[in-house]
Amino acid sequence: MKLLLLFLYFGVLIGIGLYCRKHATDVNGFVLGGRSVGPWLTAFAYGTSYFSAVVFVGYAGQFGWKYGLAATWAGIGNAIIGSLLAWVVLGRRMRIMTQHLDSATMPQFFGERFGSRPLKVGASVIIFVFLIPYTASLYNGLSRLFGMAFHIDYSVCIVLMAVLTAIYVIAGGYMATAINDFIQGIIMLLGISTIIVAVLKSKGGFMAALDGLARVTDESVASTPGIFASFFGPDPLNLLFVVILTSLGTWGLPQMVQKFYAIKNEESIKKGTIISTLFALVVAGGSYFLGGFGRLYSDRIDVNANGFDSIIPTMLSDLSPILISLVVILVLSASMSTLSSLVIASSSTLTIDFLKELFFPKMEEKKQVLSIRLLVVVFIAISSVLALIQYKSSVTFIAQLMGVSWGALAGSFLAPFMYALYSKRVTKASCWACFLFGSTLMVANIFFRPYFPEVMQSPINCGAIAMLAGLVMVPIVSVFTPKPNQKLVEDAFACYEKKTEVSRKTSLGK
């Protein structure tokens, strides 16, 4: 039964990829779906790209163990800051300006907005380098659940996930990804709700589970009775850094903001904002809430020996075969949807902003699409090999890889990208300062972590600090560096002043 459900799921994904071939004949269609994607598809594409095995297996297990039920604040932050505010602050302005500048990728936006070819190339290099470790982190959580459910070797899991994702992305591009994301999102919503109920029921219900959690003590963490069932948990400061990285970080991730490029119209943005927020509340909030009860299984979990990534699989191991199948498909859906977004973002960036910009300036449209497809294969292959190496090395936590990647990307791009949508005073020098600071800080954190201040030794905390520092750095550097070309800036912001007619239900008029 488990295998039947799995093969049925695979068949649907591949079928959709082949069906969407007609939408992937040019760069605009392959990368952005022709900028005609509706609210449901966009919102689910945003949510499923946001939450993967990294969140469900890695972060939910690790932070639920560390902070107890207070880890749910991370899910609430993901919904309010990472989804609602991201759509409100960035969505509309980004859709308007990126279409006006005819930019399909984040580096292309920087290049057109600031009239800088080096800025465009620099951004593309950062994206390609730091998306790889994030992609590699997706496989690990999936492998643990596959191993639990089917006793399949880790390498087989990696190859299976990589090949399936490559097939439907290469065939149908963004539109195939968006439709599959919608299906995968429904599975995630149903799955997480069902699993929470089943796990709590196995512990006697919510109140009994809560009472059991309140009785758990860990002197190495805190001596306060009931701390793991408390409102803010044993370590509110570090929990705050988790909320900042996992919530605010999405504002600077290329695979996330690219969803706004493709949305169809004004009405789609309004609906998409609500749908995306509710999706995040259920999926992220539910995942962290579930992870908060991890210590009820402490008699069966050895974190020191097996890592935090073993917590969620252990919690689910006693469920019925049908529910375990649902869990596997849930995490497979989350991982494949995120993987597809990452490979499209990286391969399109490398083609449009690096290869075409530096080596093949006259590359034809069909060759660009071919290059993107080939790079999808290359990117998936590299991340698969890295996942195998990572599995056998000392880096055992999913969250560690994701923290480095998110910190570098969001630390580099969040501030200059957001300010560039709103302010005419942002300079090229401030963008470079943020690019170099964010990426260099996270690389240094990998190799020289023991020399960092204690609060910054965690890649989670370091990434959050990189983002917050960028928000201060960009306006300060912009004040003391040469002003941007006035004509270039006015041309970019002219898109916001264009007149458009609307119906009376939208505006009463004069």
Protein backbone atom coordinates (compact mmCIF):
# COMPACT_ATOMS: atom_id res chain seq x y z
CA MET A 1 0.00 0.00 0.00
CA LYS A 2 2.84 2.38 0.91
CA LEU A 3 4.65 1.75 -2.36
CA LEU A 4 1.41 2.06 -4.37
CA LEU A 5 0.73 5.51 -2.93
CA LEU A 6 4.32 6.53 -3.62
CA PHE A 7 4.27 5.40 -7.26
CA LEU A 8 0.89 7.09 -7.83
CA TYR A 9 2.34 10.32 -6.45
CA PHE A 10 5.41 10.06 -8.70
CA GLY A 11 3.21 9.44 -11.74
CA VAL A 12 1.14 12.57 -11.10
CA LEU A 13 4.25 14.76 -10.75
CA ILE A 14 5.81 13.51 -13.98
CA GLY A 15 2.49 13.76 -15.84
CA ILE A 16 2.11 17.42 -14.85
CA GLY A 17 5.67 18.14 -15.93
CA LEU A 18 5.03 16.69 -19.38
CA TYR A 19 1.66 18.48 -19.65
CA CYS A 20 3.30 21.87 -18.95
CA ARG A 21 5.91 21.61 -21.72
CA LYS A 22 3.96 24.15 -23.80
CA HIS A 23 4.54 26.82 -21.11
CA ALA A 24 8.33 26.34 -21.11
CA THR A 25 9.35 27.28 -24.64
CA ASP A 26 11.04 30.60 -23.81
CA VAL A 27 12.90 32.11 -20.84
CA ASN A 28 9.91 34.07 -19.56
CA GLY A 29 7.73 30.96 -19.70
CA PHE A 30 10.29 28.57 -18.24
CA VAL A 31 11.44 30.82 -15.38
CA LEU A 32 8.28 32.83 -14.58
CA GLY A 33 5.38 30.96 -16.15
CA GLY A 34 4.73 33.94 -18.42
CA ARG A 35 4.00 36.17 -15.39
CA SER A 36 0.44 34.84 -15.42
CA VAL A 37 0.29 32.61 -12.34
CA GLY A 38 -2.82 33.00 -10.17
CA PRO A 39 -3.11 33.51 -6.39
CA TRP A 40 -3.57 29.90 -5.31
CA LEU A 41 -0.67 28.55 -7.33
CA THR A 42 1.61 31.43 -6.32
CA ALA A 43 0.71 31.24 -2.63
CA PHE A 44 1.22 27.48 -2.50
CA ALA A 45 4.44 27.76 -4.53
CA TYR A 46 5.68 30.33 -2.00
CA GLY A 47 4.69 28.18 0.98
CA THR A 48 6.01 24.87 -0.32
CA SER A 49 9.31 26.50 -1.32
CA TYR A 50 9.50 27.95 2.20
CA PHE A 51 8.93 24.71 4.14
CA SER A 52 10.82 21.52 3.38
CA ALA A 53 12.34 18.56 5.21
CA VAL A 54 14.70 21.15 6.69
CA VAL A 55 11.79 22.61 8.65
CA PHE A 56 9.72 19.50 9.31
CA VAL A 57 12.55 17.14 10.28
CA GLY A 58 15.51 19.42 11.08
CA TYR A 59 14.22 22.64 12.59
CA ALA A 60 11.02 21.26 14.20
CA GLY A 61 12.98 18.49 15.89
CA GLN A 62 15.96 20.60 16.97
CA PHE A 63 14.10 23.67 18.20
CA GLY A 64 11.22 21.68 19.68
CA TRP A 65 13.82 19.79 21.75
CA LYS A 66 15.65 22.98 22.78
CA TYR A 67 12.70 25.29 23.47
CA GLY A 68 9.71 22.99 24.01
CA LEU A 69 6.29 24.33 23.02
CA ALA A 70 7.77 27.84 22.77
CA ALA A 71 9.26 26.71 19.43
CA THR A 72 5.77 27.32 18.02
CA TRP A 73 6.69 31.02 18.02
CA ALA A 74 8.99 30.25 15.08
CA GLY A 75 5.99 28.99 13.10
CA ILE A 76 3.92 32.03 14.05
CA GLY A 77 6.82 34.28 13.00
CA ASN A 78 7.05 32.41 9.68
CA ALA A 79 3.37 33.12 9.06
CA ILE A 80 3.30 36.79 10.11
CA ILE A 81 6.78 38.04 9.13
CA GLY A 82 7.87 35.49 6.56
CA SER A 83 4.56 35.32 4.70
CA LEU A 84 2.07 38.10 5.53
CA LEU A 85 4.51 41.01 5.80
CA ALA A 86 6.67 39.70 2.95
CA TRP A 87 3.67 39.80 0.61
CA VAL A 88 2.51 43.20 1.89
CA VAL A 89 5.91 44.93 1.86
CA LEU A 90 7.54 43.30 -1.16
CA GLY A 91 4.93 41.58 -3.32
CA ARG A 92 3.22 44.41 -5.17
CA ARG A 93 6.16 46.77 -5.60
CA MET A 94 8.41 43.92 -6.67
CA ARG A 95 5.94 42.66 -9.28
CA ILE A 96 5.63 46.16 -10.78
CA MET A 97 9.33 47.10 -10.84
CA THR A 98 10.68 43.73 -11.99
CA GLN A 99 8.30 43.73 -14.96
CA HIS A 100 9.19 47.36 -15.71
CA LEU A 101 12.91 46.51 -15.65
CA ASP A 102 12.27 43.26 -17.55
CA SER A 103 14.17 41.25 -14.92
CA ALA A 104 13.49 37.55 -14.39
CA THR A 105 16.02 36.94 -11.60
CA MET A 106 17.29 38.75 -8.51
CA PRO A 107 20.77 39.50 -9.97
CA GLN A 108 19.11 40.83 -13.13
CA PHE A 109 17.06 43.16 -10.94
CA PHE A 110 20.21 44.49 -9.25
CA GLY A 111 21.93 44.91 -12.62
CA GLU A 112 19.04 46.85 -14.18
CA ARG A 113 18.07 48.83 -11.08
CA PHE A 114 21.63 50.11 -10.50
CA GLY A 115 22.92 49.95 -14.06
CA SER A 116 25.78 47.73 -12.94
CA ARG A 117 27.00 44.63 -14.74
CA PRO A 118 29.49 43.68 -11.96
CA LEU A 119 26.70 43.90 -9.36
CA LYS A 120 24.62 41.51 -11.44
CA VAL A 121 27.48 39.01 -11.82
CA GLY A 122 28.46 39.26 -8.15
CA ALA A 123 24.91 38.52 -7.01
CA SER A 124 24.69 35.52 -9.35
CA VAL A 125 27.91 34.02 -7.92
CA ILE A 126 26.67 34.38 -4.33
CA ILE A 127 23.36 32.73 -5.22
CA PHE A 128 24.92 29.79 -7.01
CA VAL A 129 27.49 29.13 -4.27
CA PHE A 130 25.14 29.36 -1.29
CA LEU A 131 22.09 27.65 -2.73
CA ILE A 132 24.07 24.41 -3.08
CA PRO A 133 24.49 23.69 0.67
CA TYR A 134 20.82 24.51 1.24
CA THR A 135 19.82 22.08 -1.52
CA ALA A 136 22.08 19.39 -0.07
CA SER A 137 20.37 19.78 3.30
CA LEU A 138 16.99 18.83 1.79
CA TYR A 139 17.99 15.21 1.21
CA ASN A 140 19.06 14.30 4.71
CA GLY A 141 15.72 14.63 6.50
CA LEU A 142 14.01 12.78 3.67
CA SER A 143 16.46 9.89 3.87
CA ARG A 144 15.72 9.29 7.56
CA LEU A 145 11.99 8.97 6.93
CA PHE A 146 12.46 6.77 3.87
CA GLY A 147 14.77 4.57 5.89
CA MET A 148 12.17 4.31 8.67
CA ALA A 149 9.26 3.54 6.32
CA PHE A 150 10.84 1.46 3.55
CA HIS A 151 14.33 0.55 4.85
CA ILE A 152 15.80 2.06 1.68
CA ASP A 153 19.47 2.97 1.49
CA TYR A 154 20.26 6.69 1.78
CA SER A 155 21.92 6.91 -1.64
CA VAL A 156 18.80 5.45 -3.30
CA CYS A 157 16.66 8.16 -1.67
CA ILE A 158 18.92 10.89 -3.01
CA VAL A 159 18.93 9.52 -6.57
CA LEU A 160 15.17 8.97 -6.55
CA MET A 161 14.34 12.47 -5.37
CA ALA A 162 16.90 14.08 -7.69
CA VAL A 163 15.76 12.24 -10.82
CA LEU A 164 12.04 12.85 -10.26
CA THR A 165 12.52 16.55 -9.57
CA ALA A 166 14.77 16.93 -12.60
CA ILE A 167 12.19 15.29 -14.89
CA TYR A 168 9.27 17.58 -14.13
CA VAL A 169 11.35 20.76 -13.79
CA ILE A 170 13.18 20.20 -17.08
CA ALA A 171 9.95 19.30 -18.88
CA GLY A 172 7.58 21.97 -17.61
CA GLY A 173 9.66 24.69 -15.92
CA TYR A 174 8.03 27.10 -13.47
CA MET A 175 4.43 26.28 -14.41
CA ALA A 176 4.94 22.56 -13.78
CA THR A 177 6.61 23.44 -10.50
CA ALA A 178 3.73 25.73 -9.49
CA ILE A 179 1.02 23.16 -10.25
CA ASN A 180 2.95 20.41 -8.49
CA ASP A 181 3.54 22.77 -5.56
CA PHE A 182 -0.23 23.21 -5.27
CA ILE A 183 -0.77 19.45 -5.05
CA GLN A 184 2.16 19.07 -2.70
CA GLY A 185 0.84 21.92 -0.55
CA ILE A 186 -2.54 20.22 -0.10
CA ILE A 187 -0.72 17.03 0.96
CA MET A 188 1.33 19.05 3.45
CA LEU A 189 -1.76 20.72 4.95
CA LEU A 190 -3.66 17.46 5.35
CA GLY A 191 -0.57 15.57 6.46
CA ILE A 192 0.62 17.86 9.23
CA SER A 193 -2.90 18.21 10.68
CA THR A 194 -3.44 14.45 10.71
CA ILE A 195 -0.02 13.69 12.18
CA ILE A 196 -0.38 16.17 15.04
CA VAL A 197 -3.70 14.60 16.04
CA ALA A 198 -2.24 11.07 15.83
CA VAL A 199 0.89 11.87 17.86
CA LEU A 200 -1.03 13.69 20.60
CA LYS A 201 -3.60 10.88 20.71
CA SER A 202 -0.78 8.36 21.23
CA LYS A 203 0.21 10.34 24.34
CA GLY A 204 -3.31 10.44 25.80
CA GLY A 205 -4.52 13.63 24.12
CA PHE A 206 -3.39 17.25 24.20
CA MET A 207 -3.85 17.91 27.93
CA ALA A 208 -2.12 14.67 28.92
CA ALA A 209 0.77 15.38 26.54
CA LEU A 210 1.04 18.94 27.85
CA ASP A 211 1.07 17.69 31.44
CA GLY A 212 3.78 15.16 30.56
CA LEU A 213 5.88 17.86 28.90
CA ALA A 214 5.51 20.11 31.97
CA ARG A 215 7.04 17.33 34.08
CA VAL A 216 10.14 17.01 31.87
CA THR A 217 13.32 18.48 33.35
CA ASP A 218 16.82 18.92 31.96
CA GLU A 219 19.28 20.49 34.38
CA SER A 220 21.76 21.13 31.57
CA VAL A 221 19.20 23.48 29.94
CA ALA A 222 17.23 24.99 32.84
CA SER A 223 16.24 24.09 36.39
CA THR A 224 12.82 25.78 36.26
CA PRO A 225 9.96 23.23 36.59
CA GLY A 226 7.69 23.03 33.53
CA ILE A 227 10.03 25.16 31.43
CA PHE A 228 9.45 23.14 28.23
CA ALA A 229 5.70 23.76 28.40
CA SER A 230 6.10 27.48 29.15
CA PHE A 231 5.25 30.50 26.99
CA PHE A 232 8.81 31.54 26.03
CA GLY A 233 10.76 28.38 26.87
CA PRO A 234 14.22 28.08 28.47
CA ASP A 235 16.13 30.41 26.11
CA PRO A 236 14.02 33.31 24.72
CA LEU A 237 17.01 35.21 23.23
CA ASN A 238 18.22 32.37 21.02
CA LEU A 239 14.61 31.58 20.13
CA LEU A 240 14.27 35.17 18.92
CA PHE A 241 17.26 34.67 16.59
CA VAL A 242 15.57 31.55 15.21
CA VAL A 243 12.39 33.53 14.53
CA ILE A 244 14.37 36.30 12.79
CA LEU A 245 16.41 33.97 10.57
CA THR A 246 13.55 31.70 9.53
CA SER A 247 11.00 34.52 9.10
CA LEU A 248 12.76 37.68 7.95
CA GLY A 249 15.25 35.61 5.95
CA THR A 250 12.68 34.80 3.25
CA TRP A 251 12.68 38.46 2.18
CA GLY A 252 16.19 38.04 0.78
CA LEU A 253 16.07 34.51 -0.65
CA PRO A 254 16.05 34.47 -4.49
CA GLN A 255 13.91 31.34 -4.78
CA MET A 256 11.26 32.96 -2.57
CA VAL A 257 11.02 36.50 -3.94
CA GLN A 258 11.02 35.13 -7.50
CA LYS A 259 7.46 33.93 -6.81
CA PHE A 260 6.32 37.56 -6.74
CA TYR A 261 7.77 38.14 -10.21
CA ALA A 262 5.35 35.62 -11.71
CA ILE A 263 2.04 36.58 -10.07
CA LYS A 264 -0.75 37.54 -12.44
CA ASN A 265 -2.46 40.73 -11.17
CA GLU A 266 -3.52 42.93 -8.26
CA GLU A 267 -6.36 40.65 -7.17
CA SER A 268 -3.98 37.69 -7.12
CA ILE A 269 -1.65 39.54 -4.75
CA LYS A 270 -4.48 40.25 -2.29
CA LYS A 271 -5.76 36.68 -2.29
CA GLY A 272 -2.27 35.21 -2.33
CA THR A 273 -1.33 37.16 0.81
CA ILE A 274 -4.15 35.57 2.82
CA ILE A 275 -3.67 32.07 1.41
CA SER A 276 0.09 32.11 1.94
CA THR A 277 -0.26 33.33 5.55
CA LEU A 278 -2.79 30.65 6.48
CA PHE A 279 -0.68 27.98 4.79
CA ALA A 280 2.38 29.01 6.80
CA LEU A 281 0.39 29.11 10.03
CA VAL A 282 -0.79 25.51 9.58
CA VAL A 283 2.38 23.96 8.12
CA ALA A 284 5.12 25.84 10.00
CA GLY A 285 3.12 26.42 13.17
CA GLY A 286 2.04 22.78 13.15
CA SER A 287 5.57 21.47 12.54
CA TYR A 288 7.15 23.44 15.40
CA PHE A 289 4.18 22.67 17.67
CA LEU A 290 4.65 18.95 16.97
CA GLY A 291 8.42 19.21 17.57
CA GLY A 292 7.72 20.84 20.93
CA PHE A 293 6.56 17.46 22.29
CA GLY A 294 9.81 15.73 21.27
CA ARG A 295 11.06 15.38 24.85
CA LEU A 296 8.15 13.05 25.63
CA TYR A 297 10.16 10.51 23.62
CA SER A 298 13.48 11.18 25.37
CA ASP A 299 13.67 7.56 26.57
CA ARG A 300 13.99 6.49 22.90
CA ILE A 301 16.03 9.39 21.51
CA ASP A 302 19.79 9.78 21.85
CA VAL A 303 20.50 13.25 20.47
CA ASN A 304 24.24 12.99 21.15
CA ALA A 305 24.53 9.81 19.10
CA ASN A 306 21.97 10.36 16.33
CA GLY A 307 21.56 14.13 16.15
CA PHE A 308 18.45 16.30 16.31
CA ASP A 309 17.32 15.03 12.91
CA SER A 310 16.36 11.71 14.55
CA ILE A 311 13.72 13.29 16.82
CA ILE A 312 10.76 13.65 14.43
CA PRO A 313 11.26 10.22 12.77
CA THR A 314 11.31 8.62 16.24
CA MET A 315 8.09 10.42 17.20
CA LEU A 316 6.39 9.09 14.06
CA SER A 317 7.78 5.55 14.06
CA ASP A 318 4.82 4.06 16.00
CA LEU A 319 2.12 5.42 13.69
CA SER A 320 0.09 3.12 11.45
CA PRO A 321 1.53 2.15 8.04
CA ILE A 322 -0.98 4.42 6.27
CA LEU A 323 0.00 7.42 8.40
CA ILE A 324 3.69 6.69 7.91
CA SER A 325 3.06 6.65 4.14
CA LEU A 326 1.35 10.02 4.51
CA VAL A 327 4.35 11.36 6.46
CA VAL A 328 6.80 10.17 3.82
CA ILE A 329 4.78 11.72 0.99
CA LEU A 330 4.37 14.92 3.07
CA VAL A 331 8.11 15.33 3.56
CA LEU A 332 8.83 14.21 0.00
CA SER A 333 6.38 16.88 -1.23
CA ALA A 334 7.96 19.56 0.94
CA SER A 335 11.48 18.64 -0.14
CA MET A 336 10.82 18.27 -3.86
CA SER A 337 8.89 21.53 -4.07
CA THR A 338 11.74 23.39 -2.37
CA LEU A 339 14.34 21.60 -4.49
CA SER A 340 12.52 22.54 -7.72
CA SER A 341 12.41 26.21 -6.68
CA LEU A 342 16.10 26.20 -5.78
CA VAL A 343 17.26 24.61 -9.03
CA ILE A 344 15.16 26.96 -11.18
CA ALA A 345 16.47 30.00 -9.27
CA SER A 346 20.09 28.86 -9.48
CA SER A 347 20.14 27.59 -13.09
CA SER A 348 18.29 30.63 -14.45
CA THR A 349 20.60 32.98 -12.54
CA LEU A 350 23.73 31.22 -13.76
CA THR A 351 22.50 31.29 -17.38
CA ILE A 352 21.00 34.78 -17.61
CA ASP A 353 23.23 36.69 -15.20
CA PHE A 354 26.56 34.90 -15.50
CA LEU A 355 27.08 32.91 -18.70
CA LYS A 356 25.09 35.21 -20.99
CA GLU A 357 26.43 38.34 -19.33
CA LEU A 358 30.14 37.39 -19.42
CA PHE A 359 30.65 34.82 -22.15
CA PHE A 360 27.69 34.59 -24.56
CA PRO A 361 26.10 38.06 -24.84
CA LYS A 362 24.27 37.08 -28.05
CA MET A 363 22.86 33.81 -26.71
CA GLU A 364 19.51 33.12 -28.38
CA GLU A 365 16.30 32.50 -26.46
CA LYS A 366 16.17 28.77 -27.25
CA LYS A 367 19.79 28.31 -26.22
CA GLN A 368 19.13 30.11 -22.94
CA VAL A 369 16.28 27.70 -22.16
CA LEU A 370 18.50 24.76 -23.12
CA SER A 371 21.28 26.08 -20.89
CA ILE A 372 18.86 26.47 -17.96
CA ARG A 373 17.66 22.89 -18.43
CA LEU A 374 21.21 21.53 -18.57
CA LEU A 375 22.18 23.50 -15.47
CA VAL A 376 19.17 22.09 -13.63
CA VAL A 377 20.78 18.68 -14.10
CA VAL A 378 24.22 19.97 -13.07
CA PHE A 379 22.89 21.73 -9.98
CA ILE A 380 20.89 18.70 -8.82
CA ALA A 381 23.92 16.44 -9.42
CA ILE A 382 26.27 18.68 -7.41
CA SER A 383 23.85 18.99 -4.51
CA SER A 384 23.29 15.20 -4.52
CA VAL A 385 27.02 14.48 -4.32
CA LEU A 386 27.39 17.10 -1.57
CA ALA A 387 24.51 15.49 0.33
CA LEU A 388 26.32 12.14 0.29
CA ILE A 389 29.59 13.73 1.41
CA GLN A 390 27.80 15.70 4.11
CA TYR A 391 26.11 12.53 5.37
CA LYS A 392 29.49 10.88 5.97
CA SER A 393 31.21 13.97 7.44
CA SER A 394 31.05 15.71 10.80
CA VAL A 395 28.28 18.09 9.66
CA THR A 396 25.26 16.10 10.81
CA PHE A 397 22.55 18.67 11.43
CA ILE A 398 20.20 19.82 8.70
CA ALA A 399 19.77 23.14 10.49
CA GLN A 400 23.51 23.86 10.36
CA LEU A 401 23.65 23.75 6.55
CA MET A 402 20.43 25.69 6.17
CA GLY A 403 21.54 28.32 8.68
CA VAL A 404 24.76 29.03 6.75
CA SER A 405 22.93 29.23 3.42
CA TRP A 406 20.03 31.37 4.62
CA GLY A 407 22.35 33.64 6.58
CA ALA A 408 24.64 34.28 3.60
CA LEU A 409 21.86 34.83 1.05
CA ALA A 410 19.51 36.89 3.20
CA GLY A 411 22.41 38.74 4.84
CA SER A 412 23.67 39.71 1.37
CA PHE A 413 20.40 40.52 -0.39
CA LEU A 414 17.59 41.35 2.01
CA ALA A 415 18.49 44.95 2.82
CA PRO A 416 19.65 46.18 -0.62
CA PHE A 417 16.74 44.44 -2.35
CA MET A 418 14.06 45.87 -0.06
CA TYR A 419 15.54 49.37 0.07
CA ALA A 420 15.96 49.41 -3.73
CA LEU A 421 12.20 48.94 -4.12
CA TYR A 422 11.38 51.91 -1.90
CA SER A 423 14.29 54.36 -1.84
CA LYS A 424 15.93 56.36 -4.62
CA ARG A 425 19.01 56.99 -2.46
CA VAL A 426 20.42 53.46 -2.31
CA THR A 427 23.87 53.28 -3.92
CA LYS A 428 25.83 50.54 -5.69
CA ALA A 429 28.51 50.77 -2.99
CA SER A 430 25.95 49.98 -0.27
CA CYS A 431 24.86 46.88 -2.21
CA TRP A 432 28.47 45.71 -2.52
CA ALA A 433 29.06 46.36 1.17
CA CYS A 434 26.08 44.19 2.09
CA PHE A 435 26.98 41.46 -0.42
CA LEU A 436 30.52 41.18 0.92
CA PHE A 437 29.59 41.47 4.58
CA GLY A 438 26.82 38.85 4.53
CA SER A 439 28.66 36.23 2.49
CA THR A 440 32.07 36.77 4.14
CA LEU A 441 30.62 36.64 7.66
CA MET A 442 28.92 33.29 7.03
CA VAL A 443 31.98 31.76 5.34
CA ALA A 444 34.09 32.91 8.30
CA ASN A 445 31.52 31.37 10.64
CA ILE A 446 32.09 27.99 8.98
CA PHE A 447 35.90 28.01 9.28
CA PHE A 448 36.58 30.22 12.32
CA ARG A 449 33.52 29.58 14.47
CA PRO A 450 35.42 29.09 17.78
CA TYR A 451 36.85 32.63 17.47
CA PHE A 452 33.42 34.28 17.15
CA PRO A 453 31.64 35.77 20.19
CA GLU A 454 29.57 33.07 21.89
CA VAL A 455 26.25 34.47 20.70
CA MET A 456 27.45 34.31 17.06
CA GLN A 457 28.94 30.82 17.11
CA SER A 458 25.60 29.38 16.06
CA PRO A 459 25.07 29.83 12.28
CA ILE A 460 21.43 30.58 13.11
CA ASN A 461 22.33 33.54 15.31
CA CYS A 462 25.11 34.65 12.97
CA GLY A 463 22.76 34.64 9.98
CA ALA A 464 20.13 36.64 11.86
CA ILE A 465 22.75 39.22 12.90
CA ALA A 466 23.98 39.46 9.27
CA MET A 467 20.45 40.34 8.14
CA LEU A 468 19.85 42.92 10.85
CA ALA A 469 23.29 44.47 10.25
CA GLY A 470 22.48 44.83 6.54
CA LEU A 471 19.34 46.84 7.36
CA VAL A 472 21.55 49.36 9.16
CA MET A 473 24.53 49.15 6.80
CA VAL A 474 22.80 49.97 3.50
CA PRO A 475 21.38 53.40 4.49
CA ILE A 476 24.60 54.41 6.29
CA VAL A 477 26.90 53.44 3.40
CA SER A 478 24.50 55.12 0.94
CA VAL A 479 24.94 58.43 2.78
CA PHE A 480 28.73 58.39 2.44
CA THR A 481 29.15 56.98 -1.09
CA PRO A 482 28.59 58.51 -4.56
CA LYS A 483 24.93 59.11 -5.36
CA PRO A 484 23.23 56.89 -7.95
CA ASN A 485 22.62 58.11 -11.50
CA GLN A 486 19.51 60.30 -11.20
CA LYS A 487 18.12 59.44 -14.63
CA LEU A 488 18.54 55.71 -14.00
CA VAL A 489 16.74 55.98 -10.68
CA GLU A 490 13.88 58.07 -12.06
CA ASP A 491 13.42 55.62 -14.92
CA ALA A 492 13.23 52.72 -12.48
CA PHE A 493 10.68 54.42 -10.21
CA ALA A 494 8.58 55.73 -13.11
CA CYS A 495 6.71 52.42 -13.08
CA TYR A 496 4.99 53.37 -9.82
CA GLU A 497 3.62 56.60 -11.32
CA LYS A 498 1.95 55.07 -14.36
CA LYS A 499 -1.81 55.61 -14.46
CA THR A 500 -4.17 52.66 -14.59
CA GLU A 501 -7.95 52.39 -14.72
CA VAL A 502 -9.79 50.42 -12.05
CA SER A 503 -13.42 49.48 -11.42
CA ARG A 504 -15.65 51.44 -9.03
CA LYS A 505 -15.59 48.57 -6.52
CA THR A 506 -11.84 49.18 -6.15
CA SER A 507 -11.94 52.99 -6.04
CA LEU A 508 -14.80 55.48 -5.65
CA GLY A 509 -12.95 58.03 -7.74
CA LYS A 510 -13.15 61.78 -7.20
